Amino acid sequence: MARGVRAGQAIDGSPRGEVLLLAARPWFIWATLLAALLLDLMPVGRHGWFPDLMAVTLVFWAVHQPRRVGIGAGFVFGLLIDAQHAALLGEHALAYSLLTFFAVMLHRRLLWFSLPQQALQILPLFVAARLLEFLVAMMAGGSAPGLSYLAAPLLQAALWPLLSWLLLAPQRRPPAPDQDRPL
């Protein structure tokens, strides 16, 4: 075994058995973020228990592409959600900014876990963001939404493996065959 390499790890430091992914195309990243925004703009998303698809998609891309999707993207998409939901301006923007900040901070560590373990790791992020939105709404004089309000972070964490599989699918495609390339 090479020096500094743990059991179950390849020499380059990646976990054994992992598939090398192709680079994510910027247009695909932003198209998925816009699709999540459009899904969140639908009236069904106004129920307290409904998962925040924009938050899940932002966290996913902040974990997998932290140089392309960061705090600024979280802030802008949060302002758009605030404007559409007629919420206190900055409520979602603050929550999404903090979500993307912590997702970028955890991205290296998080990718070492399996998808169900990743879902458990990000569940506290979703709960904290939901509680932050709740606290901001309460300080502004809103009404208490009830316990179903905390069901959304659980659903968001449950969606994590499915969303990860869907959003990483284009990167798993085989590269164009080339006689000069050994892989």
N, C-alpha and C. Protein backbone atom coordinates (compact mmCIF):
# COMPACT_ATOMS: atom_id res chain seq x y z
N MET A 1 0.84 -1.17 0.00
CA MET A 1 0.00 0.00 0.00
C MET A 1 0.89 1.24 0.00
N ALA A 2 0.49 2.23 -0.77
CA ALA A 2 1.28 3.46 -0.87
C ALA A 2 1.21 4.24 0.44
N ARG A 3 2.23 5.00 0.68
CA ARG A 3 2.32 5.79 1.90
C ARG A 3 1.22 6.85 1.95
N GLY A 4 0.50 6.92 3.07
CA GLY A 4 -0.54 7.93 3.25
C GLY A 4 -1.88 7.54 2.65
N VAL A 5 -2.04 6.32 2.14
CA VAL A 5 -3.30 5.90 1.55
C VAL A 5 -3.99 4.95 2.52
N ARG A 6 -5.23 5.22 2.82
CA ARG A 6 -6.00 4.39 3.74
C ARG A 6 -6.56 3.18 3.01
N ALA A 7 -6.97 2.18 3.79
CA ALA A 7 -7.61 0.99 3.21
C ALA A 7 -8.91 1.41 2.55
N GLY A 8 -9.22 0.85 1.40
CA GLY A 8 -10.44 1.18 0.68
C GLY A 8 -10.30 2.42 -0.17
N GLN A 9 -9.07 2.87 -0.36
CA GLN A 9 -8.83 4.11 -1.10
C GLN A 9 -7.83 3.82 -2.22
N ALA A 10 -8.05 4.42 -3.36
CA ALA A 10 -7.11 4.28 -4.46
C ALA A 10 -5.89 5.17 -4.21
N ILE A 11 -4.85 4.99 -4.99
CA ILE A 11 -3.61 5.75 -4.81
C ILE A 11 -3.85 7.25 -5.01
N ASP A 12 -4.77 7.62 -5.90
CA ASP A 12 -5.03 9.04 -6.14
C ASP A 12 -5.90 9.67 -5.05
N GLY A 13 -6.32 8.90 -4.04
CA GLY A 13 -7.09 9.44 -2.94
C GLY A 13 -8.59 9.29 -3.08
N SER A 14 -9.07 8.84 -4.24
CA SER A 14 -10.51 8.67 -4.44
C SER A 14 -10.95 7.31 -3.92
N PRO A 15 -12.21 7.19 -3.49
CA PRO A 15 -12.70 5.90 -3.02
C PRO A 15 -12.67 4.88 -4.14
N ARG A 16 -12.35 3.65 -3.82
CA ARG A 16 -12.31 2.59 -4.84
C ARG A 16 -13.70 2.32 -5.38
N GLY A 17 -13.78 2.00 -6.65
CA GLY A 17 -15.04 1.66 -7.28
C GLY A 17 -15.84 2.86 -7.75
N GLU A 18 -15.37 4.06 -7.54
CA GLU A 18 -16.09 5.24 -7.98
C GLU A 18 -15.86 5.45 -9.47
N VAL A 19 -16.91 5.87 -10.15
CA VAL A 19 -16.83 6.15 -11.57
C VAL A 19 -16.31 7.57 -11.75
N LEU A 20 -15.37 7.74 -12.67
CA LEU A 20 -14.91 9.08 -12.99
C LEU A 20 -16.00 9.79 -13.79
N LEU A 21 -16.39 10.95 -13.34
CA LEU A 21 -17.45 11.70 -13.99
C LEU A 21 -16.88 12.70 -14.96
N LEU A 22 -17.60 12.92 -16.04
CA LEU A 22 -17.23 13.98 -16.96
C LEU A 22 -17.54 15.32 -16.32
N ALA A 23 -17.00 16.37 -16.86
CA ALA A 23 -17.25 17.71 -16.32
C ALA A 23 -18.71 18.09 -16.55
N ALA A 24 -19.29 18.76 -15.57
CA ALA A 24 -20.66 19.25 -15.71
C ALA A 24 -20.65 20.48 -16.62
N ARG A 25 -21.56 20.51 -17.54
CA ARG A 25 -21.63 21.65 -18.46
C ARG A 25 -22.36 22.81 -17.78
N PRO A 26 -21.83 24.01 -17.91
CA PRO A 26 -22.46 25.16 -17.23
C PRO A 26 -23.92 25.37 -17.62
N TRP A 27 -24.25 25.16 -18.88
CA TRP A 27 -25.63 25.35 -19.30
C TRP A 27 -26.55 24.36 -18.60
N PHE A 28 -26.07 23.13 -18.32
CA PHE A 28 -26.88 22.14 -17.64
C PHE A 28 -27.10 22.54 -16.17
N ILE A 29 -26.05 23.04 -15.54
CA ILE A 29 -26.17 23.48 -14.14
C ILE A 29 -27.23 24.57 -14.03
N TRP A 30 -27.13 25.59 -14.87
CA TRP A 30 -28.06 26.71 -14.77
C TRP A 30 -29.45 26.33 -15.25
N ALA A 31 -29.56 25.39 -16.20
CA ALA A 31 -30.88 24.92 -16.63
C ALA A 31 -31.59 24.17 -15.51
N THR A 32 -30.85 23.37 -14.75
CA THR A 32 -31.47 22.65 -13.64
C THR A 32 -31.88 23.61 -12.52
N LEU A 33 -31.08 24.64 -12.30
CA LEU A 33 -31.46 25.64 -11.29
C LEU A 33 -32.71 26.41 -11.73
N LEU A 34 -32.79 26.75 -13.01
CA LEU A 34 -33.99 27.44 -13.50
C LEU A 34 -35.21 26.52 -13.46
N ALA A 35 -35.02 25.22 -13.75
CA ALA A 35 -36.13 24.26 -13.66
C ALA A 35 -36.61 24.14 -12.22
N ALA A 36 -35.68 24.11 -11.27
CA ALA A 36 -36.07 24.06 -9.85
C ALA A 36 -36.81 25.33 -9.46
N LEU A 37 -36.37 26.47 -9.98
CA LEU A 37 -37.06 27.73 -9.70
C LEU A 37 -38.48 27.69 -10.24
N LEU A 38 -38.65 27.20 -11.47
CA LEU A 38 -39.99 27.12 -12.06
C LEU A 38 -40.88 26.15 -11.28
N LEU A 39 -40.32 25.05 -10.80
CA LEU A 39 -41.11 24.11 -9.99
C LEU A 39 -41.50 24.73 -8.66
N ASP A 40 -40.61 25.54 -8.09
CA ASP A 40 -40.94 26.22 -6.84
C ASP A 40 -41.95 27.35 -7.03
N LEU A 41 -42.08 27.84 -8.26
CA LEU A 41 -43.04 28.91 -8.53
C LEU A 41 -44.47 28.40 -8.67
N MET A 42 -44.61 27.08 -8.78
CA MET A 42 -45.95 26.50 -8.91
C MET A 42 -46.71 26.67 -7.59
N PRO A 43 -48.01 26.81 -7.65
CA PRO A 43 -48.80 27.05 -6.43
C PRO A 43 -48.75 25.92 -5.41
N VAL A 44 -48.45 24.70 -5.83
CA VAL A 44 -48.41 23.58 -4.88
C VAL A 44 -47.27 23.75 -3.88
N GLY A 45 -46.25 24.51 -4.25
CA GLY A 45 -45.10 24.72 -3.38
C GLY A 45 -45.37 25.64 -2.20
N ARG A 46 -46.57 26.18 -2.11
CA ARG A 46 -46.88 27.11 -1.03
C ARG A 46 -47.29 26.39 0.26
N HIS A 47 -47.51 25.08 0.20
CA HIS A 47 -47.85 24.33 1.40
C HIS A 47 -46.59 24.19 2.25
N GLY A 48 -46.75 24.23 3.57
CA GLY A 48 -45.61 24.20 4.48
C GLY A 48 -44.83 22.90 4.42
N TRP A 49 -45.48 21.78 4.11
CA TRP A 49 -44.81 20.48 4.12
C TRP A 49 -44.09 20.18 2.81
N PHE A 50 -44.37 20.93 1.76
CA PHE A 50 -43.80 20.64 0.44
C PHE A 50 -42.30 20.93 0.43
N PRO A 51 -41.48 20.01 -0.11
CA PRO A 51 -40.03 20.23 -0.10
C PRO A 51 -39.64 21.40 -1.00
N ASP A 52 -38.62 22.09 -0.57
CA ASP A 52 -38.09 23.24 -1.30
C ASP A 52 -37.09 22.72 -2.33
N LEU A 53 -37.55 22.53 -3.56
CA LEU A 53 -36.70 21.96 -4.60
C LEU A 53 -35.55 22.89 -4.98
N MET A 54 -35.78 24.17 -4.86
CA MET A 54 -34.71 25.13 -5.15
C MET A 54 -33.58 24.97 -4.16
N ALA A 55 -33.90 24.78 -2.90
CA ALA A 55 -32.87 24.61 -1.87
C ALA A 55 -32.07 23.33 -2.11
N VAL A 56 -32.75 22.25 -2.44
CA VAL A 56 -32.06 20.98 -2.68
C VAL A 56 -31.14 21.09 -3.89
N THR A 57 -31.62 21.71 -4.96
CA THR A 57 -30.82 21.85 -6.16
C THR A 57 -29.62 22.78 -5.93
N LEU A 58 -29.84 23.85 -5.20
CA LEU A 58 -28.72 24.75 -4.87
C LEU A 58 -27.65 24.05 -4.05
N VAL A 59 -28.08 23.28 -3.05
CA VAL A 59 -27.12 22.57 -2.21
C VAL A 59 -26.39 21.52 -3.04
N PHE A 60 -27.11 20.83 -3.91
CA PHE A 60 -26.46 19.81 -4.75
C PHE A 60 -25.35 20.43 -5.59
N TRP A 61 -25.65 21.53 -6.29
CA TRP A 61 -24.63 22.12 -7.16
C TRP A 61 -23.55 22.83 -6.35
N ALA A 62 -23.87 23.33 -5.17
CA ALA A 62 -22.83 23.92 -4.33
C ALA A 62 -21.87 22.85 -3.82
N VAL A 63 -22.36 21.64 -3.64
CA VAL A 63 -21.50 20.53 -3.22
C VAL A 63 -20.68 20.01 -4.40
N HIS A 64 -21.30 19.85 -5.55
CA HIS A 64 -20.62 19.24 -6.70
C HIS A 64 -19.88 20.23 -7.58
N GLN A 65 -20.29 21.48 -7.60
CA GLN A 65 -19.64 22.50 -8.43
C GLN A 65 -19.51 23.80 -7.63
N PRO A 66 -18.71 23.80 -6.56
CA PRO A 66 -18.66 24.99 -5.70
C PRO A 66 -18.07 26.23 -6.37
N ARG A 67 -17.35 26.06 -7.45
CA ARG A 67 -16.79 27.24 -8.13
C ARG A 67 -17.81 27.91 -9.05
N ARG A 68 -18.84 27.20 -9.42
CA ARG A 68 -19.86 27.75 -10.31
C ARG A 68 -21.10 28.22 -9.56
N VAL A 69 -21.47 27.50 -8.51
CA VAL A 69 -22.68 27.84 -7.75
C VAL A 69 -22.26 28.07 -6.31
N GLY A 70 -22.48 29.28 -5.85
CA GLY A 70 -22.08 29.63 -4.50
C GLY A 70 -23.09 30.52 -3.81
N ILE A 71 -22.59 31.33 -2.92
CA ILE A 71 -23.44 32.17 -2.09
C ILE A 71 -24.22 33.18 -2.93
N GLY A 72 -23.58 33.74 -3.95
CA GLY A 72 -24.26 34.72 -4.81
C GLY A 72 -25.45 34.12 -5.52
N ALA A 73 -25.30 32.91 -6.04
CA ALA A 73 -26.42 32.24 -6.71
C ALA A 73 -27.54 31.97 -5.71
N GLY A 74 -27.18 31.55 -4.49
CA GLY A 74 -28.19 31.32 -3.47
C GLY A 74 -28.95 32.59 -3.13
N PHE A 75 -28.24 33.70 -3.05
CA PHE A 75 -28.87 34.97 -2.73
C PHE A 75 -29.83 35.40 -3.84
N VAL A 76 -29.39 35.32 -5.09
CA VAL A 76 -30.24 35.75 -6.22
C VAL A 76 -31.48 34.89 -6.34
N PHE A 77 -31.31 33.56 -6.26
CA PHE A 77 -32.48 32.69 -6.36
C PHE A 77 -33.39 32.87 -5.15
N GLY A 78 -32.82 33.16 -3.99
CA GLY A 78 -33.64 33.43 -2.81
C GLY A 78 -34.48 34.68 -2.98
N LEU A 79 -33.90 35.73 -3.57
CA LEU A 79 -34.68 36.94 -3.83
C LEU A 79 -35.82 36.67 -4.82
N LEU A 80 -35.55 35.84 -5.83
CA LEU A 80 -36.60 35.52 -6.79
C LEU A 80 -37.74 34.74 -6.12
N ILE A 81 -37.40 33.80 -5.23
CA ILE A 81 -38.43 33.04 -4.51
C ILE A 81 -39.20 33.98 -3.57
N ASP A 82 -38.48 34.88 -2.90
CA ASP A 82 -39.14 35.84 -2.01
C ASP A 82 -40.15 36.68 -2.77
N ALA A 83 -39.76 37.16 -3.93
CA ALA A 83 -40.65 38.00 -4.73
C ALA A 83 -41.87 37.22 -5.20
N GLN A 84 -41.69 35.99 -5.58
CA GLN A 84 -42.81 35.20 -6.07
C GLN A 84 -43.76 34.80 -4.95
N HIS A 85 -43.23 34.41 -3.81
CA HIS A 85 -44.06 33.96 -2.69
C HIS A 85 -44.62 35.12 -1.88
N ALA A 86 -44.27 36.34 -2.24
CA ALA A 86 -44.68 37.54 -1.50
C ALA A 86 -44.25 37.42 -0.04
N ALA A 87 -43.07 36.85 0.17
CA ALA A 87 -42.51 36.70 1.51
C ALA A 87 -41.71 37.96 1.84
N LEU A 88 -41.28 38.03 3.07
CA LEU A 88 -40.44 39.14 3.49
C LEU A 88 -39.19 39.13 2.61
N LEU A 89 -38.89 40.25 1.96
CA LEU A 89 -37.77 40.30 1.03
C LEU A 89 -36.46 40.00 1.77
N GLY A 90 -35.82 38.95 1.39
CA GLY A 90 -34.57 38.54 2.00
C GLY A 90 -34.70 37.30 2.88
N GLU A 91 -35.92 36.84 3.13
CA GLU A 91 -36.14 35.67 3.97
C GLU A 91 -35.51 34.42 3.36
N HIS A 92 -35.88 34.11 2.14
CA HIS A 92 -35.29 32.96 1.46
C HIS A 92 -33.86 33.25 1.01
N ALA A 93 -33.59 34.50 0.67
CA ALA A 93 -32.24 34.86 0.23
C ALA A 93 -31.23 34.61 1.34
N LEU A 94 -31.57 34.94 2.55
CA LEU A 94 -30.68 34.67 3.69
C LEU A 94 -30.52 33.17 3.90
N ALA A 95 -31.63 32.45 3.88
CA ALA A 95 -31.58 31.00 4.09
C ALA A 95 -30.78 30.30 3.00
N TYR A 96 -31.01 30.67 1.73
CA TYR A 96 -30.28 30.04 0.62
C TYR A 96 -28.80 30.40 0.64
N SER A 97 -28.50 31.64 1.02
CA SER A 97 -27.09 32.04 1.11
C SER A 97 -26.36 31.22 2.17
N LEU A 98 -26.98 31.05 3.32
CA LEU A 98 -26.35 30.23 4.36
C LEU A 98 -26.28 28.77 3.96
N LEU A 99 -27.31 28.27 3.29
CA LEU A 99 -27.28 26.88 2.80
C LEU A 99 -26.11 26.65 1.86
N THR A 100 -25.95 27.54 0.89
CA THR A 100 -24.86 27.36 -0.07
C THR A 100 -23.50 27.56 0.59
N PHE A 101 -23.42 28.46 1.55
CA PHE A 101 -22.15 28.66 2.27
C PHE A 101 -21.73 27.38 2.98
N PHE A 102 -22.65 26.78 3.73
CA PHE A 102 -22.31 25.56 4.46
C PHE A 102 -22.13 24.37 3.53
N ALA A 103 -22.85 24.34 2.41
CA ALA A 103 -22.66 23.26 1.44
C ALA A 103 -21.27 23.34 0.81
N VAL A 104 -20.81 24.54 0.50
CA VAL A 104 -19.46 24.71 -0.06
C VAL A 104 -18.41 24.33 0.99
N MET A 105 -18.68 24.68 2.26
CA MET A 105 -17.73 24.33 3.32
C MET A 105 -17.63 22.82 3.50
N LEU A 106 -18.74 22.10 3.31
CA LEU A 106 -18.77 20.66 3.54
C LEU A 106 -18.52 19.82 2.30
N HIS A 107 -18.35 20.45 1.14
CA HIS A 107 -18.38 19.68 -0.10
C HIS A 107 -17.30 18.62 -0.19
N ARG A 108 -16.11 18.86 0.27
CA ARG A 108 -15.05 17.84 0.18
C ARG A 108 -15.34 16.65 1.07
N ARG A 109 -15.80 16.92 2.27
CA ARG A 109 -16.08 15.84 3.21
C ARG A 109 -17.32 15.06 2.80
N LEU A 110 -18.33 15.76 2.31
CA LEU A 110 -19.60 15.15 1.99
C LEU A 110 -19.50 14.12 0.86
N LEU A 111 -18.63 14.37 -0.11
CA LEU A 111 -18.53 13.49 -1.26
C LEU A 111 -17.92 12.14 -0.94
N TRP A 112 -17.35 11.96 0.24
CA TRP A 112 -16.79 10.67 0.64
C TRP A 112 -17.85 9.71 1.13
N PHE A 113 -19.04 10.19 1.41
CA PHE A 113 -20.11 9.36 1.93
C PHE A 113 -20.99 8.83 0.81
N SER A 114 -21.72 7.76 1.10
CA SER A 114 -22.71 7.25 0.14
C SER A 114 -23.89 8.22 0.10
N LEU A 115 -24.77 8.05 -0.87
CA LEU A 115 -25.90 8.99 -1.02
C LEU A 115 -26.83 9.00 0.19
N PRO A 116 -27.20 7.85 0.78
CA PRO A 116 -28.03 7.93 1.99
C PRO A 116 -27.31 8.61 3.15
N GLN A 117 -26.01 8.37 3.28
CA GLN A 117 -25.25 9.03 4.33
C GLN A 117 -25.13 10.53 4.06
N GLN A 118 -25.01 10.91 2.79
CA GLN A 118 -25.00 12.33 2.44
C GLN A 118 -26.32 12.99 2.84
N ALA A 119 -27.43 12.27 2.61
CA ALA A 119 -28.74 12.81 2.96
C ALA A 119 -28.83 13.08 4.46
N LEU A 120 -28.27 12.18 5.26
CA LEU A 120 -28.26 12.40 6.71
C LEU A 120 -27.34 13.55 7.10
N GLN A 121 -26.27 13.74 6.35
CA GLN A 121 -25.33 14.83 6.64
C GLN A 121 -25.92 16.20 6.32
N ILE A 122 -26.75 16.28 5.28
CA ILE A 122 -27.30 17.58 4.90
C ILE A 122 -28.65 17.87 5.54
N LEU A 123 -29.25 16.87 6.18
CA LEU A 123 -30.53 17.10 6.86
C LEU A 123 -30.45 18.25 7.86
N PRO A 124 -29.40 18.33 8.71
CA PRO A 124 -29.34 19.49 9.62
C PRO A 124 -29.26 20.84 8.89
N LEU A 125 -28.65 20.86 7.71
CA LEU A 125 -28.61 22.11 6.94
C LEU A 125 -30.02 22.54 6.52
N PHE A 126 -30.80 21.57 6.04
CA PHE A 126 -32.16 21.89 5.61
C PHE A 126 -33.04 22.30 6.80
N VAL A 127 -32.86 21.62 7.94
CA VAL A 127 -33.64 21.97 9.14
C VAL A 127 -33.26 23.38 9.60
N ALA A 128 -31.96 23.68 9.62
CA ALA A 128 -31.52 25.01 10.06
C ALA A 128 -32.04 26.10 9.12
N ALA A 129 -32.03 25.85 7.82
CA ALA A 129 -32.54 26.85 6.88
C ALA A 129 -34.04 27.07 7.08
N ARG A 130 -34.75 25.98 7.32
CA ARG A 130 -36.20 26.09 7.54
C ARG A 130 -36.50 26.87 8.83
N LEU A 131 -35.73 26.57 9.88
CA LEU A 131 -35.91 27.30 11.14
C LEU A 131 -35.54 28.77 11.00
N LEU A 132 -34.52 29.06 10.20
CA LEU A 132 -34.15 30.45 9.97
C LEU A 132 -35.27 31.20 9.26
N GLU A 133 -35.86 30.57 8.24
CA GLU A 133 -37.00 31.19 7.55
C GLU A 133 -38.15 31.42 8.54
N PHE A 134 -38.38 30.44 9.41
CA PHE A 134 -39.44 30.55 10.41
C PHE A 134 -39.17 31.72 11.37
N LEU A 135 -37.94 31.83 11.85
CA LEU A 135 -37.60 32.90 12.79
C LEU A 135 -37.72 34.28 12.16
N VAL A 136 -37.28 34.40 10.91
CA VAL A 136 -37.39 35.69 10.22
C VAL A 136 -38.86 36.05 10.03
N ALA A 137 -39.69 35.07 9.67
CA ALA A 137 -41.12 35.33 9.49
C ALA A 137 -41.77 35.70 10.82
N MET A 138 -41.37 35.06 11.90
CA MET A 138 -41.95 35.37 13.21
C MET A 138 -41.54 36.76 13.67
N MET A 139 -40.30 37.15 13.42
CA MET A 139 -39.86 38.50 13.80
C MET A 139 -40.59 39.57 13.01
N ALA A 140 -41.03 39.22 11.82
CA ALA A 140 -41.76 40.18 10.99
C ALA A 140 -43.26 40.18 11.30
N GLY A 141 -43.68 39.33 12.25
CA GLY A 141 -45.09 39.33 12.65
C GLY A 141 -45.93 38.30 11.95
N GLY A 142 -45.33 37.26 11.41
CA GLY A 142 -46.09 36.21 10.73
C GLY A 142 -46.76 35.28 11.73
N SER A 143 -47.58 34.39 11.22
CA SER A 143 -48.26 33.42 12.08
C SER A 143 -47.50 32.10 12.07
N ALA A 144 -47.64 31.33 13.13
CA ALA A 144 -46.95 30.05 13.25
C ALA A 144 -47.55 29.05 12.27
N PRO A 145 -46.73 28.36 11.47
CA PRO A 145 -47.24 27.46 10.44
C PRO A 145 -47.67 26.09 10.95
N GLY A 146 -47.22 25.66 12.11
CA GLY A 146 -47.57 24.32 12.61
C GLY A 146 -46.42 23.34 12.42
N LEU A 147 -46.62 22.13 12.92
CA LEU A 147 -45.55 21.13 12.89
C LEU A 147 -45.29 20.57 11.49
N SER A 148 -46.27 20.66 10.60
CA SER A 148 -46.06 20.16 9.24
C SER A 148 -44.97 20.95 8.51
N TYR A 149 -44.65 22.11 9.04
CA TYR A 149 -43.60 22.96 8.46
C TYR A 149 -42.24 22.28 8.50
N LEU A 150 -42.02 21.41 9.50
CA LEU A 150 -40.74 20.71 9.63
C LEU A 150 -40.69 19.42 8.82
N ALA A 151 -41.77 19.07 8.13
CA ALA A 151 -41.76 17.89 7.27
C ALA A 151 -40.96 18.14 5.99
N ALA A 152 -40.90 19.39 5.56
CA ALA A 152 -40.20 19.72 4.31
C ALA A 152 -38.72 19.36 4.35
N PRO A 153 -37.97 19.68 5.43
CA PRO A 153 -36.56 19.27 5.44
C PRO A 153 -36.37 17.76 5.37
N LEU A 154 -37.28 17.00 5.98
CA LEU A 154 -37.19 15.54 5.91
C LEU A 154 -37.41 15.06 4.48
N LEU A 155 -38.37 15.66 3.79
CA LEU A 155 -38.62 15.30 2.39
C LEU A 155 -37.46 15.73 1.49
N GLN A 156 -36.86 16.88 1.80
CA GLN A 156 -35.71 17.34 1.01
C GLN A 156 -34.54 16.37 1.16
N ALA A 157 -34.28 15.93 2.37
CA ALA A 157 -33.20 14.96 2.58
C ALA A 157 -33.53 13.63 1.91
N ALA A 158 -34.80 13.24 1.92
CA ALA A 158 -35.20 12.00 1.26
C ALA A 158 -35.06 12.11 -0.26
N LEU A 159 -35.22 13.31 -0.81
CA LEU A 159 -35.06 13.53 -2.25
C LEU A 159 -33.60 13.56 -2.69
N TRP A 160 -32.68 13.74 -1.76
CA TRP A 160 -31.27 13.91 -2.10
C TRP A 160 -30.71 12.77 -2.97
N PRO A 161 -30.90 11.49 -2.61
CA PRO A 161 -30.33 10.43 -3.45
C PRO A 161 -30.92 10.42 -4.87
N LEU A 162 -32.23 10.62 -4.98
CA LEU A 162 -32.86 10.63 -6.30
C LEU A 162 -32.38 11.81 -7.13
N LEU A 163 -32.34 12.98 -6.53
CA LEU A 163 -31.88 14.17 -7.25
C LEU A 163 -30.41 14.03 -7.64
N SER A 164 -29.60 13.46 -6.76
CA SER A 164 -28.18 13.26 -7.09
C SER A 164 -28.03 12.32 -8.27
N TRP A 165 -28.79 11.26 -8.28
CA TRP A 165 -28.71 10.31 -9.38
C TRP A 165 -29.14 10.97 -10.69
N LEU A 166 -30.22 11.77 -10.64
CA LEU A 166 -30.71 12.43 -11.85
C LEU A 166 -29.74 13.49 -12.37
N LEU A 167 -29.21 14.31 -11.47
CA LEU A 167 -28.37 15.42 -11.91
C LEU A 167 -26.95 14.98 -12.30
N LEU A 168 -26.53 13.83 -11.80
CA LEU A 168 -25.21 13.33 -12.20
C LEU A 168 -25.28 12.41 -13.43
N ALA A 169 -26.48 12.06 -13.88
CA ALA A 169 -26.63 11.15 -15.02
C ALA A 169 -25.92 11.65 -16.29
N PRO A 170 -26.04 12.92 -16.67
CA PRO A 170 -25.34 13.37 -17.88
C PRO A 170 -23.81 13.29 -17.77
N GLN A 171 -23.29 13.34 -16.56
CA GLN A 171 -21.84 13.28 -16.38
C GLN A 171 -21.32 11.85 -16.42
N ARG A 172 -22.22 10.87 -16.32
CA ARG A 172 -21.81 9.47 -16.36
C ARG A 172 -21.76 8.90 -17.78
N ARG A 173 -22.17 9.67 -18.74
CA ARG A 173 -22.20 9.16 -20.11
C ARG A 173 -20.79 8.82 -20.56
N PRO A 174 -20.65 7.82 -21.39
CA PRO A 174 -19.30 7.47 -21.83
C PRO A 174 -18.74 8.54 -22.76
N PRO A 175 -17.47 8.83 -22.62
CA PRO A 175 -16.87 9.82 -23.52
C PRO A 175 -16.82 9.27 -24.95
N ALA A 176 -16.67 10.16 -25.89
CA ALA A 176 -16.55 9.74 -27.28
C ALA A 176 -15.33 8.86 -27.45
N PRO A 177 -15.47 7.75 -28.15
CA PRO A 177 -14.31 6.86 -28.30
C PRO A 177 -13.19 7.53 -29.08
N ASP A 178 -11.99 7.28 -28.63
CA ASP A 178 -10.81 7.85 -29.25
C ASP A 178 -9.71 6.79 -29.20
N GLN A 179 -9.08 6.52 -30.32
CA GLN A 179 -8.05 5.48 -30.37
C GLN A 179 -6.79 5.89 -29.63
N ASP A 180 -6.58 7.18 -29.46
CA ASP A 180 -5.36 7.65 -28.79
C ASP A 180 -5.51 7.80 -27.29
N ARG A 181 -6.73 7.65 -26.78
CA ARG A 181 -6.96 7.83 -25.35
C ARG A 181 -7.13 6.46 -24.71
N PRO A 182 -6.36 6.11 -23.69
CA PRO A 182 -6.44 4.78 -23.10
C PRO A 182 -7.71 4.55 -22.28
N LEU A 183 -8.34 5.60 -21.76
CA LEU A 183 -9.53 5.39 -20.94
C LEU A 183 -10.73 5.43 -21.79
